[in-house]
Protein backbone atom coordinates (compact mmCIF):
# COMPACT_ATOMS: atom_id res chain seq x y z
CA MET A 1 -25.47 56.69 40.72
CA ASN A 2 -22.70 57.74 43.13
CA LYS A 3 -19.83 55.36 43.64
CA ARG A 4 -20.27 52.85 46.46
CA THR A 5 -19.42 54.17 49.88
CA SER A 6 -20.99 51.72 52.33
CA THR A 7 -21.39 48.44 50.47
CA ALA A 8 -19.34 46.44 52.95
CA LEU A 9 -21.57 47.48 55.85
CA ALA A 10 -24.75 46.98 53.87
CA THR A 11 -23.89 43.51 52.67
CA ALA A 12 -22.62 42.45 56.08
CA VAL A 13 -26.01 43.33 57.56
CA VAL A 14 -27.85 41.66 54.67
CA ALA A 15 -25.80 38.48 54.93
CA SER A 16 -26.13 38.19 58.71
CA LEU A 17 -29.89 38.72 58.60
CA ALA A 18 -30.43 36.26 55.75
CA LEU A 19 -28.15 33.58 57.19
CA GLY A 20 -29.45 34.08 60.71
CA ALA A 21 -32.95 33.26 59.52
CA ALA A 22 -31.87 30.22 57.51
CA GLY A 23 -33.35 27.78 59.99
CA CYS A 24 -36.89 29.10 59.54
CA SER A 25 -39.35 27.25 57.36
CA GLY A 26 -39.97 28.54 53.87
CA GLY A 27 -42.05 27.98 50.78
CA LYS A 28 -41.23 27.83 47.10
CA HIS A 29 -38.15 29.33 45.53
CA ALA A 30 -38.78 32.64 43.78
CA GLY A 31 -36.34 32.66 40.91
CA GLY A 32 -32.60 32.25 40.55
CA GLY A 33 -30.46 29.27 41.38
CA GLY A 34 -31.87 28.79 44.86
CA GLY A 35 -34.16 31.68 45.70
CA GLN A 36 -35.08 32.48 49.27
CA ASP A 37 -38.60 33.50 50.13
CA GLY A 38 -40.48 35.09 52.96
CA GLY A 39 -39.92 32.18 55.41
CA LYS A 40 -36.13 32.57 55.28
CA ASN A 41 -35.37 35.95 53.86
CA PRO A 42 -36.35 39.09 55.81
CA ALA A 43 -36.37 41.11 52.58
CA ALA A 44 -39.04 38.83 51.12
CA ALA A 45 -41.62 38.94 53.92
CA ASN A 46 -44.17 40.69 51.67
CA VAL A 47 -43.64 38.50 48.61
CA GLY A 48 -47.02 37.59 47.14
CA SER A 49 -48.85 40.04 49.41
CA VAL A 50 -50.59 43.39 49.08
CA VAL A 51 -49.06 46.14 51.22
CA GLY A 52 -51.15 48.97 52.69
CA GLY A 53 -54.67 47.58 52.31
CA THR A 54 -57.24 48.91 49.84
CA PRO A 55 -56.58 52.43 48.49
CA GLN A 56 -59.04 55.30 48.60
CA ARG A 57 -59.89 57.11 45.38
CA GLY A 58 -58.16 60.45 44.83
CA GLY A 59 -54.93 62.26 45.57
CA THR A 60 -51.57 62.34 43.81
CA LEU A 61 -49.25 59.36 43.57
CA THR A 62 -45.65 60.58 43.27
CA VAL A 63 -42.96 58.44 41.66
CA LEU A 64 -39.37 59.39 42.57
CA SER A 65 -36.94 58.52 39.79
CA ASN A 66 -33.25 58.85 39.02
CA GLN A 67 -33.88 58.60 35.27
CA ASP A 68 -36.17 59.37 32.35
CA PHE A 69 -38.09 56.68 30.51
CA THR A 70 -36.31 54.91 27.69
CA HIS A 71 -39.54 54.80 25.66
CA LEU A 72 -43.25 55.35 26.26
CA ASP A 73 -44.16 54.90 22.60
CA PRO A 74 -45.87 51.45 22.63
CA ALA A 75 -44.07 50.45 19.44
CA ARG A 76 -40.72 50.94 21.22
CA ASN A 77 -41.51 50.00 24.81
CA TRP A 78 -39.81 46.71 25.69
CA VAL A 79 -38.28 47.31 29.12
CA MET A 80 -40.11 45.55 31.96
CA SER A 81 -40.77 48.53 34.25
CA GLU A 82 -41.78 50.79 31.36
CA MET A 83 -44.07 48.15 29.89
CA ASP A 84 -45.77 47.98 33.28
CA PHE A 85 -46.13 51.78 33.51
CA GLY A 86 -47.28 52.24 29.91
CA THR A 87 -49.75 49.37 29.69
CA ARG A 88 -51.25 49.87 33.16
CA LEU A 89 -51.73 53.64 32.92
CA LEU A 90 -51.62 54.97 29.35
CA TYR A 91 -52.60 52.35 26.80
CA ARG A 92 -54.33 49.03 26.61
CA THR A 93 -53.28 45.89 24.75
CA LEU A 94 -55.27 43.05 23.23
CA VAL A 95 -54.52 40.86 26.24
CA THR A 96 -52.86 41.70 29.56
CA TYR A 97 -51.88 40.22 32.91
CA LYS A 98 -54.26 39.91 35.81
CA SER A 99 -53.81 42.60 38.48
CA SER A 100 -52.96 40.29 41.34
CA PRO A 101 -49.94 39.51 43.54
CA GLY A 102 -47.97 36.28 43.43
CA ASN A 103 -48.35 33.60 40.81
CA ASP A 104 -51.90 34.73 40.07
CA GLY A 105 -50.39 37.78 38.34
CA GLY A 106 -49.08 35.52 35.59
CA LYS A 107 -52.58 34.72 34.36
CA LEU A 108 -53.74 36.26 31.07
CA VAL A 109 -56.99 38.21 30.93
CA PRO A 110 -58.67 40.02 28.01
CA ASP A 111 -58.00 43.74 27.76
CA LEU A 112 -59.00 45.40 24.49
CA ALA A 113 -60.15 42.00 23.28
CA THR A 114 -63.25 40.16 24.43
CA ASP A 115 -61.29 36.97 25.08
CA LEU A 116 -57.80 35.51 24.72
CA GLY A 117 -58.08 35.05 20.98
CA THR A 118 -59.25 32.18 18.81
CA PRO A 119 -56.62 30.06 17.03
CA SER A 120 -57.30 28.21 13.79
CA ASN A 121 -55.32 26.65 10.95
CA ASP A 122 -53.11 24.76 13.47
CA ALA A 123 -52.47 28.01 15.43
CA ARG A 124 -51.21 29.79 12.31
CA THR A 125 -54.23 32.10 12.37
CA TRP A 126 -55.38 34.08 15.41
CA THR A 127 -58.58 36.11 15.59
CA PHE A 128 -59.40 38.73 18.24
CA HIS A 129 -62.64 40.67 18.67
CA LEU A 130 -62.41 44.10 20.33
CA LYS A 131 -64.75 45.25 23.08
CA GLN A 132 -67.36 47.86 22.36
CA GLY A 133 -67.11 51.23 24.11
CA VAL A 134 -63.32 51.56 24.43
CA LYS A 135 -62.32 55.15 23.61
CA TYR A 136 -59.27 57.35 23.30
CA GLU A 137 -58.83 60.46 25.41
CA ASP A 138 -60.66 62.58 22.77
CA GLY A 139 -63.72 60.31 22.79
CA THR A 140 -63.07 58.61 19.45
CA PRO A 141 -63.40 54.81 19.43
CA VAL A 142 -60.44 52.44 19.48
CA THR A 143 -60.53 50.31 16.33
CA ALA A 144 -58.89 47.15 15.07
CA GLN A 145 -57.20 49.23 12.38
CA ASP A 146 -55.41 51.22 15.11
CA VAL A 147 -53.96 48.04 16.59
CA LYS A 148 -52.82 46.94 13.13
CA TYR A 149 -51.22 50.33 12.55
CA ASN A 150 -49.15 50.16 15.72
CA VAL A 151 -47.95 46.64 14.94
CA GLU A 152 -46.90 47.87 11.49
CA ARG A 153 -45.13 50.97 12.79
CA SER A 154 -43.07 48.74 15.13
CA PHE A 155 -41.19 47.67 11.97
CA SER A 156 -40.13 51.25 11.17
CA PRO A 157 -36.34 51.75 11.18
CA ASP A 158 -36.75 55.11 12.94
CA LEU A 159 -38.65 53.47 15.81
CA PRO A 160 -36.16 50.91 17.18
CA GLY A 161 -36.20 49.20 20.55
CA GLY A 162 -39.58 47.49 20.71
CA SER A 163 -40.71 43.89 20.92
CA ASP A 164 -40.07 41.90 17.77
CA TYR A 165 -42.65 39.13 18.16
CA ALA A 166 -44.45 40.52 15.12
CA ALA A 167 -41.26 40.39 13.04
CA ARG A 168 -40.55 36.84 14.13
CA TYR A 169 -44.00 35.36 13.61
CA LEU A 170 -46.13 37.31 11.14
CA ALA A 171 -46.29 35.89 7.63
CA GLY A 172 -44.72 38.04 4.93
CA ALA A 173 -42.94 40.30 7.44
CA GLU A 174 -39.43 39.76 6.09
CA GLY A 175 -37.99 43.05 4.87
CA TYR A 176 -41.05 45.07 5.88
CA GLN A 177 -40.12 48.65 6.87
CA GLY A 178 -43.36 49.97 8.35
CA PRO A 179 -46.34 51.92 6.99
CA ALA A 180 -44.62 55.24 6.25
CA GLN A 181 -44.76 54.76 2.47
CA GLY A 182 -48.33 53.50 2.52
CA LYS A 183 -47.27 49.85 2.63
CA HIS A 184 -49.19 47.50 4.89
CA LEU A 185 -48.91 43.91 6.06
CA ASP A 186 -51.31 41.55 4.33
CA SER A 187 -50.90 39.13 7.23
CA ILE A 188 -52.92 41.45 9.50
CA LYS A 189 -56.53 41.70 8.42
CA THR A 190 -59.25 43.93 9.88
CA PRO A 191 -62.55 42.80 8.34
CA ASP A 192 -64.37 45.35 10.52
CA ASP A 193 -63.61 47.90 13.24
CA HIS A 194 -63.79 45.31 16.00
CA THR A 195 -62.05 42.30 14.45
CA ILE A 196 -58.36 41.74 13.85
CA VAL A 197 -56.85 38.59 12.33
CA PHE A 198 -53.16 37.67 12.39
CA GLU A 199 -51.71 35.20 9.88
CA LEU A 200 -48.49 33.63 11.17
CA ARG A 201 -45.71 32.02 9.18
CA LYS A 202 -45.66 29.02 11.50
CA PRO A 203 -47.83 27.59 14.29
CA PHE A 204 -47.55 29.58 17.52
CA ALA A 205 -49.77 28.25 20.29
CA GLU A 206 -48.49 30.96 22.69
CA PHE A 207 -49.46 33.91 20.49
CA ALA A 208 -51.98 35.23 23.03
CA ASN A 209 -49.08 35.76 25.44
CA ALA A 210 -47.30 37.88 22.83
CA THR A 211 -50.29 40.22 22.53
CA VAL A 212 -49.57 41.47 26.07
CA MET A 213 -46.67 43.42 24.55
CA PRO A 214 -47.17 47.17 23.97
CA THR A 215 -46.72 46.44 20.26
CA PHE A 216 -50.32 45.26 20.37
CA ALA A 217 -51.69 48.53 21.77
CA PRO A 218 -53.62 50.90 19.49
CA VAL A 219 -52.19 54.04 17.88
CA PRO A 220 -54.51 56.11 15.66
CA GLN A 221 -52.64 57.03 12.50
CA PRO A 222 -53.57 60.77 12.57
CA ARG A 223 -51.91 61.06 15.99
CA ASP A 224 -48.65 59.40 15.01
CA LYS A 225 -45.66 61.75 15.23
CA GLY A 226 -42.91 59.25 14.43
CA PRO A 227 -40.07 59.37 17.00
CA GLN A 228 -41.80 62.31 18.73
CA TYR A 229 -44.72 60.05 19.70
CA ASP A 230 -42.50 58.97 22.59
CA ASN A 231 -43.18 62.36 24.19
CA ARG A 232 -46.96 62.20 23.98
CA PRO A 233 -48.56 58.78 23.46
CA PHE A 234 -52.30 59.10 22.87
CA SER A 235 -54.21 57.49 25.70
CA SER A 236 -56.58 54.55 25.59
CA GLY A 237 -56.00 53.85 29.30
CA PRO A 238 -57.20 55.46 32.54
CA TYR A 239 -54.67 58.33 32.44
CA LYS A 240 -53.41 60.75 29.81
CA VAL A 241 -50.29 62.89 29.55
CA ASP A 242 -50.85 66.37 30.97
CA SER A 243 -47.21 67.45 30.63
CA TYR A 244 -43.85 65.81 29.97
CA ASP A 245 -40.58 67.69 30.46
CA ARG A 246 -38.02 65.08 29.42
CA GLY A 247 -35.59 64.19 32.18
CA LYS A 248 -37.47 66.31 34.72
CA LYS A 249 -41.15 65.53 35.22
CA LEU A 250 -44.07 63.60 33.75
CA VAL A 251 -47.60 64.43 34.90
CA LEU A 252 -50.53 62.11 34.19
CA VAL A 253 -54.14 63.10 34.85
CA ARG A 254 -57.35 61.15 34.53
CA ASN A 255 -58.61 60.24 31.06
CA ASP A 256 -62.32 60.97 31.46
CA GLN A 257 -63.08 58.88 28.36
CA TRP A 258 -61.81 55.68 29.99
CA ASP A 259 -64.71 53.46 30.98
CA PRO A 260 -63.99 51.11 33.92
CA LYS A 261 -66.88 48.92 32.78
CA THR A 262 -64.68 47.83 29.86
CA ASP A 263 -61.62 47.25 32.06
CA GLU A 264 -61.37 44.56 34.73
CA VAL A 265 -57.67 45.19 35.40
CA ARG A 266 -57.00 48.88 36.10
CA LYS A 267 -58.40 50.43 39.27
CA ALA A 268 -57.17 54.02 38.67
CA TYR A 269 -57.25 55.09 42.31
CA PRO A 270 -55.14 58.30 42.21
CA ASP A 271 -56.42 61.44 40.49
CA LYS A 272 -52.91 62.22 39.30
CA VAL A 273 -49.58 60.42 38.82
CA VAL A 274 -46.45 62.59 38.93
CA VAL A 275 -43.02 61.16 38.03
CA VAL A 276 -40.21 63.36 39.33
CA MET A 277 -36.95 62.58 37.49
CA GLY A 278 -33.30 63.43 37.81
CA LEU A 279 -32.99 62.68 41.53
CA LYS A 280 -29.94 60.98 43.04
CA ALA A 281 -30.53 57.33 43.83
CA ASN A 282 -29.32 57.66 47.42
CA GLN A 283 -31.61 60.65 47.88
CA ILE A 284 -34.61 58.60 46.75
CA ASP A 285 -33.76 55.76 49.14
CA ASP A 286 -33.32 58.09 52.11
CA ARG A 287 -36.50 60.04 51.41
CA LEU A 288 -38.64 56.91 51.19
CA ILE A 289 -37.08 55.29 54.24
CA ALA A 290 -37.87 58.47 56.21
CA SER A 291 -41.30 58.86 54.54
CA GLN A 292 -41.84 62.42 55.74
CA GLY A 293 -44.59 64.77 54.54
CA PRO A 294 -45.41 64.40 50.82
CA ASP A 295 -42.91 61.53 50.53
CA SER A 296 -45.34 59.35 52.47
CA SER A 297 -47.41 59.29 49.25
CA ALA A 298 -44.44 58.40 47.05
CA VAL A 299 -42.96 55.25 45.53
CA PRO A 300 -39.55 54.68 43.92
CA TRP A 301 -39.10 54.02 40.22
CA TYR A 302 -35.84 52.10 40.50
CA ALA A 303 -34.83 49.39 42.94
CA LEU A 304 -33.28 50.13 46.32
CA ARG A 305 -29.50 50.53 46.12
CA PRO A 306 -27.46 47.75 47.76
CA GLU A 307 -25.83 50.41 49.96
CA SER A 308 -29.21 51.24 51.49
CA ALA A 309 -29.92 47.70 52.68
CA ALA A 310 -28.33 48.43 56.07
CA LYS A 311 -30.92 51.16 56.65
CA VAL A 312 -33.86 48.95 55.68
CA LEU A 313 -33.43 45.36 56.83
CA PRO A 314 -32.76 46.03 60.55
CA SER A 315 -35.98 48.09 60.82
CA ALA A 316 -39.24 46.19 61.20
CA GLU A 317 -41.19 49.37 60.37
CA VAL A 318 -39.37 49.90 57.06
CA ARG A 319 -39.36 46.17 56.18
CA ALA A 320 -43.15 46.26 56.48
CA ARG A 321 -43.12 48.73 53.56
CA LEU A 322 -40.60 46.74 51.48
CA LEU A 323 -41.51 44.87 48.31
CA ALA A 324 -38.87 42.45 47.01
CA GLU A 325 -40.26 40.13 44.35
CA SER A 326 -37.83 38.18 42.21
CA GLN A 327 -37.27 39.83 38.86
CA ASN A 328 -37.21 36.39 37.23
CA CYS A 329 -34.55 37.89 34.97
CA THR A 330 -30.97 36.71 34.51
CA ASP A 331 -28.15 39.25 34.68
CA MET A 332 -25.38 38.36 32.23
CA VAL A 333 -22.01 39.49 30.96
CA GLN A 334 -22.40 39.31 27.19
CA MET A 335 -19.32 39.26 24.95
CA ASP A 336 -19.17 40.31 21.29
CA THR A 337 -18.61 36.93 19.65
CA GLN A 338 -18.08 38.58 16.24
CA ARG A 339 -15.00 40.53 17.34
CA ALA A 340 -11.55 39.47 18.61
CA PRO A 341 -10.67 38.29 21.15
CA PHE A 342 -14.20 37.10 21.97
CA ASP A 343 -14.57 35.32 18.65
CA ASN A 344 -12.43 32.63 20.34
CA VAL A 345 -14.51 30.30 22.51
CA LYS A 346 -11.53 29.65 24.79
CA VAL A 347 -11.36 33.35 25.64
CA ARG A 348 -15.07 33.43 26.41
CA GLN A 349 -14.77 30.33 28.58
CA ALA A 350 -11.88 32.01 30.41
CA VAL A 351 -14.24 34.84 31.33
CA GLN A 352 -16.77 32.27 32.57
CA TYR A 353 -14.17 30.74 34.90
CA ALA A 354 -12.60 34.04 36.00
CA LEU A 355 -15.87 35.68 37.06
CA ASP A 356 -16.50 35.70 40.80
CA ARG A 357 -20.30 35.53 41.03
CA ASP A 358 -20.17 35.71 44.82
CA ALA A 359 -18.39 39.05 44.62
CA VAL A 360 -21.00 40.43 42.21
CA LEU A 361 -23.77 39.12 44.45
CA THR A 362 -22.16 40.87 47.44
CA ALA A 363 -21.89 44.11 45.45
CA SER A 364 -25.59 43.73 44.63
CA GLY A 365 -26.70 43.64 48.26
CA GLY A 366 -26.03 40.05 49.19
CA PRO A 367 -28.29 36.99 49.35
CA ALA A 368 -31.30 38.93 50.67
CA PHE A 369 -31.69 40.68 47.32
CA ASN A 370 -30.08 38.24 44.85
CA ASP A 371 -29.58 34.62 43.89
CA PRO A 372 -26.47 33.41 42.00
CA SER A 373 -27.20 32.14 38.51
CA THR A 374 -25.72 28.99 36.98
CA ALA A 375 -27.78 28.91 33.79
CA TYR A 376 -29.18 31.44 31.34
CA MET A 377 -32.90 30.84 31.85
CA PRO A 378 -34.23 31.65 35.33
CA ALA A 379 -35.27 28.95 37.78
CA THR A 380 -38.97 29.25 36.89
CA LEU A 381 -38.17 27.77 33.46
CA PHE A 382 -36.38 24.82 35.09
CA GLY A 383 -39.20 23.80 37.41
CA GLY A 384 -37.90 25.86 40.34
CA LYS A 385 -34.12 25.32 40.39
CA GLN A 386 -31.42 26.09 37.83
CA PRO A 387 -29.01 23.30 36.88
CA ASP A 388 -25.27 23.77 37.35
CA THR A 389 -23.90 22.07 34.25
CA LEU A 390 -20.46 23.74 34.25
CA ARG A 391 -19.87 23.44 38.02
CA ILE A 392 -17.65 26.50 38.11
CA PRO A 393 -17.05 27.62 41.72
CA ALA A 394 -19.19 30.60 42.69
CA THR A 395 -15.98 32.46 43.54
CA GLY A 396 -14.50 31.67 40.12
CA ASP A 397 -11.38 29.73 39.16
CA ALA A 398 -8.62 32.12 38.09
CA ALA A 399 -6.12 29.30 37.52
CA LYS A 400 -8.45 27.55 35.05
CA ALA A 401 -9.14 30.88 33.35
CA LYS A 402 -5.40 31.50 32.87
CA GLU A 403 -5.03 28.01 31.44
CA LEU A 404 -7.79 28.68 28.91
CA LEU A 405 -6.23 32.02 27.95
CA LYS A 406 -2.91 30.27 27.35
CA GLU A 407 -4.67 27.75 25.07
CA ALA A 408 -6.24 30.71 23.23
CA GLY A 409 -2.82 32.27 22.60
CA LYS A 410 -3.34 34.95 25.27
CA PRO A 411 -0.90 33.89 28.02
CA ASP A 412 -0.47 37.48 29.19
CA GLY A 413 -4.18 38.22 29.19
CA PHE A 414 -5.72 41.19 27.37
CA SER A 415 -7.56 44.48 27.88
CA THR A 416 -11.21 45.12 27.09
CA LYS A 417 -14.11 47.42 27.97
CA ILE A 418 -17.53 46.79 29.49
CA THR A 419 -20.60 49.03 29.26
CA VAL A 420 -22.98 49.10 32.21
CA SER A 421 -25.92 51.20 33.31
CA SER A 422 -24.78 53.70 35.93
CA GLY A 423 -26.87 51.82 38.49
CA ASP A 424 -24.76 48.71 37.90
CA LYS A 425 -21.36 50.29 38.50
CA SER A 426 -20.74 48.43 41.75
CA ARG A 427 -21.45 45.13 39.98
CA ALA A 428 -19.08 46.12 37.18
CA GLU A 429 -16.34 46.87 39.70
CA ALA A 430 -16.73 43.38 41.16
CA ILE A 431 -16.47 41.93 37.64
CA GLN A 432 -13.42 44.08 36.94
CA GLN A 433 -11.64 42.91 40.09
CA SER A 434 -12.35 39.21 39.55
CA LEU A 435 -11.30 39.19 35.88
CA ALA A 436 -8.09 41.03 36.77
CA LYS A 437 -6.99 37.97 38.77
CA ALA A 438 -6.85 36.04 35.49
CA GLY A 439 -4.98 38.80 33.63
CA ILE A 440 -8.04 40.37 31.96
CA LYS A 441 -7.99 44.14 32.38
CA VAL A 442 -11.49 45.62 32.17
CA ILE A 443 -12.26 49.31 31.67
CA ILE A 444 -15.74 50.30 32.82
CA GLU A 445 -17.93 52.68 30.81
CA THR A 446 -21.13 53.79 32.54
CA VAL A 447 -24.21 55.08 30.72
CA ASP A 448 -27.32 56.82 32.02
CA PRO A 449 -30.14 54.25 32.34
CA SER A 450 -32.39 56.10 29.88
CA ALA A 451 -29.70 55.83 27.16
CA PHE A 452 -28.32 52.42 28.09
CA TYR A 453 -30.27 50.22 25.67
CA ALA A 454 -29.70 52.57 22.74
CA THR A 455 -25.97 52.55 23.52
CA ILE A 456 -25.52 48.79 23.72
CA GLY A 457 -27.96 48.31 20.84
CA ASP A 458 -25.55 50.14 18.51
CA THR A 459 -23.65 47.04 17.43
CA LYS A 460 -20.96 48.86 15.43
CA ASN A 461 -19.92 51.28 18.16
CA ARG A 462 -20.48 49.51 21.46
CA THR A 463 -17.86 47.95 23.72
CA ASP A 464 -16.88 44.30 23.49
CA MET A 465 -18.61 43.43 26.77
CA VAL A 466 -21.93 44.58 28.22
CA TYR A 467 -23.65 43.85 31.51
CA THR A 468 -27.36 43.41 30.98
CA GLY A 469 -30.10 40.87 31.46
CA TRP A 470 -33.15 39.22 29.99
CA CYS A 471 -36.56 38.38 31.41
CA PRO A 472 -38.93 35.84 29.86
CA ASP A 473 -42.05 37.63 28.68
CA TYR A 474 -44.06 34.65 29.90
CA PRO A 475 -43.18 31.19 31.32
CA SER A 476 -41.67 29.60 28.23
CA GLY A 477 -38.13 29.03 26.99
CA SER A 478 -39.33 30.35 23.64
CA THR A 479 -39.33 33.87 25.13
CA PHE A 480 -35.77 33.60 26.43
CA LEU A 481 -33.18 31.65 24.43
CA PRO A 482 -34.29 32.72 20.90
CA PHE A 483 -34.38 36.38 21.91
CA VAL A 484 -30.92 36.26 23.50
CA PHE A 485 -29.06 33.89 21.18
CA ASP A 486 -30.75 33.74 17.75
CA GLY A 487 -28.40 35.55 15.36
CA ARG A 488 -30.99 36.01 12.62
CA TYR A 489 -32.57 39.01 14.36
CA ILE A 490 -29.46 41.05 15.16
CA LYS A 491 -29.88 44.70 14.18
CA GLU A 492 -27.15 47.27 13.56
CA LYS A 493 -29.14 49.87 15.55
CA GLY A 494 -31.69 49.18 18.26
CA ASN A 495 -30.43 45.63 18.79
CA SER A 496 -32.16 43.86 21.68
CA GLY A 497 -31.44 40.70 23.62
CA ASN A 498 -28.62 39.18 21.60
CA HIS A 499 -25.86 41.53 22.76
CA SER A 500 -23.28 38.76 22.36
CA LEU A 501 -24.10 38.94 18.62
CA PHE A 502 -24.05 35.14 18.78
CA ARG A 503 -24.83 33.45 15.48
CA ASP A 504 -24.42 29.69 15.66
CA GLU A 505 -26.05 27.58 12.94
CA ALA A 506 -26.52 24.47 15.07
CA THR A 507 -28.13 26.52 17.85
CA MET A 508 -30.52 28.28 15.48
CA LYS A 509 -31.49 25.00 13.81
CA ARG A 510 -32.29 23.49 17.18
CA MET A 511 -34.35 26.55 18.14
CA ASP A 512 -36.49 26.06 15.04
CA GLU A 513 -36.96 22.38 15.86
CA ILE A 514 -38.08 23.13 19.43
CA SER A 515 -40.40 25.93 18.28
CA ALA A 516 -42.18 23.43 16.02
CA MET A 517 -42.86 21.00 18.89
CA THR A 518 -46.55 20.72 19.77
CA ASP A 519 -46.03 19.04 23.15
CA PRO A 520 -45.35 21.84 25.72
CA GLN A 521 -43.58 19.46 28.13
CA GLN A 522 -41.31 18.14 25.39
CA ALA A 523 -40.52 21.68 24.31
CA ALA A 524 -39.78 22.81 27.88
CA GLN A 525 -37.30 19.96 28.36
CA ALA A 526 -35.68 20.72 25.01
CA TRP A 527 -35.21 24.40 25.91
CA GLN A 528 -33.63 23.34 29.20
CA GLN A 529 -31.17 21.08 27.38
CA LEU A 530 -30.37 23.76 24.81
CA ASP A 531 -29.60 26.23 27.61
CA GLY A 532 -26.72 23.99 28.73
CA GLU A 533 -25.49 23.50 25.17
CA ILE A 534 -25.31 27.24 24.56
CA LEU A 535 -23.66 27.75 27.96
CA ALA A 536 -20.82 25.45 26.85
CA LYS A 537 -20.24 27.73 23.85
CA ALA A 538 -19.96 30.67 26.27
CA PRO A 539 -21.42 33.66 24.41
CA ALA A 540 -22.38 35.08 27.81
CA VAL A 541 -21.81 34.45 31.49
CA PRO A 542 -24.91 34.14 33.70
CA VAL A 543 -24.29 36.04 36.92
CA LEU A 544 -27.34 36.45 39.14
CA VAL A 545 -31.09 36.82 39.41
CA ARG A 546 -32.08 39.92 41.39
CA ARG A 547 -35.02 40.77 43.50
CA TRP A 548 -36.60 44.18 42.87
CA PRO A 549 -36.60 45.85 46.30
CA LEU A 550 -38.90 48.88 46.59
CA VAL A 551 -39.45 50.86 49.80
CA LEU A 552 -42.88 52.52 49.77
CA GLY A 553 -44.11 55.65 51.50
CA THR A 554 -46.25 55.07 54.60
CA ASN A 555 -49.40 56.39 52.84
CA ILE A 556 -49.20 53.90 49.96
CA ALA A 557 -51.88 51.22 49.61
CA GLY A 558 -52.77 48.45 47.17
CA ALA A 559 -49.09 47.81 46.44
CA TYR A 560 -47.34 44.62 45.35
CA GLY A 561 -44.53 43.67 43.02
CA HIS A 562 -46.01 42.15 39.87
CA THR A 563 -44.37 38.86 38.99
CA SER A 564 -44.93 39.36 35.26
CA PHE A 565 -43.29 42.79 35.25
CA GLY A 566 -40.01 41.83 36.88
CA GLY A 567 -41.20 42.62 40.40
CA GLN A 568 -42.02 46.25 39.56
CA LEU A 569 -44.95 47.88 41.36
CA ASP A 570 -48.26 47.10 39.66
CA TYR A 571 -49.48 50.57 38.66
CA ALA A 572 -52.93 49.13 37.90
CA THR A 573 -53.83 48.87 41.58
CA VAL A 574 -51.59 51.17 43.64
CA GLY A 575 -53.05 54.19 45.39
CA LEU A 576 -53.17 56.05 48.69
CA LYS A 577 -54.53 55.25 52.15
CA ASP A 578 -55.45 58.91 52.73
CA PRO A 579 -55.51 61.03 49.55
CA SER A 580 -55.65 64.26 51.57
CA LYS A 581 -52.06 63.68 52.74
CA SER A 582 -50.69 63.77 49.18
CA GLN A 583 -49.32 66.85 47.48
CA GLY A 584 -49.39 67.93 43.83
């Protein structure tokens, strides 16, 4: 992304609009420390609503993107937007989310499976039965063995990056390296082609939620190409890959073997989906705001840039085409706790105090598009509002930070580096400026979004600080704190979540105790308490919870930000008002 050129104007407009509407009535908070919704926030007028009415079948939906996909291989796909795209268009999972706006989108529905699974043996055993009549793009049937195979291949060292629920919960999974040498997991049984049984190492009442992950999509072994499968996943969904020129264009066409009678979720309105990559972010914003010609049938892949807010929020016509669901994800500055100087808790606490969250929020587009964060888990996991246990001013406290650095033996401060996705450069600059006030000199290294997770997942060669975030996979603390702060699952390559490389014995022991609780309310309260305890140890600094603003073309219909996919467009239902106006 180009360096900021009009952030001050954009955020001034955002702030004035949001504050000017503060007297209006509003509903529930939508993530973050104190989220604003449609009653107060002009950016959130369409939250929980469908934009554009019901689509007509046909035409080409164009997606304008500034980047390539990180992964489309279901064994490696664990980024919110890409999970949405992959599981709604290309492959099906045992269970999925309902295609519905608002809170209704958080409900689980069967997908490949006939129901949400049957637990037994105190939720240590889970059995799923597959629907009849589900086929791949070549007409061959999807089998339980194909689902097992993909779960197994997710353990392969040459396929990093995917969800690790299987590694955490399956019995006998320790040390497993995938099926390449003919080795298979005994804890996954397939007594017939339509039955799959998972044996877990401990009770897991939420296992059905985990089977939404692309890890639990089918891959037929004869079609597996190892790392090259990323370029051509074999379809069990409503579309198949027609062509994929990495970094340039992906074209999906209808999979004529997909049977809508077996699928209550995907509507498959367009005849074709074309993702055009390598565009400049400002170019995408301007094209969709203007919505001229073929761009009227286009949607953006990435969120609206903060700089473009001034072109969107003052216009009622453009705001009517704006989606801005909360991501329900917490942005954080994570510090390498295994490496000096961040192996010293005083240094990490100094960063907590030095960081000006207000400045980062302003660089992110202001309060219309963001909420400041005072805890790690988002507000939805605290009953609607994050606690503020540290009570650090939102603008930071440079004097306190300097005091902590002096106690840590760093009275003159120190220099360090931070890695950010290129789309987060303006946020990194705000972090850089606020930490400098405490004597911490930060050098920013930007990485293309498609390579970002591989870069920060290389634990031996990455920078000491990274700016990233985490989203709960479903409404439970078990999908947040263990994935971000359990040191037992750190990987040298393809590391996910725990980018602070935090390994604290007391924290991990408490995580195990909470995971064993059978009372959901008791467990929820325990996760909330543990959040504050980890925050005091400062492996990371929570910064903000973003909305995911998307400006749609004027010919787009059936569109809403899906709450379970970080506010990204639900590709299961989107289509066109008038297919004849599309191009391609």
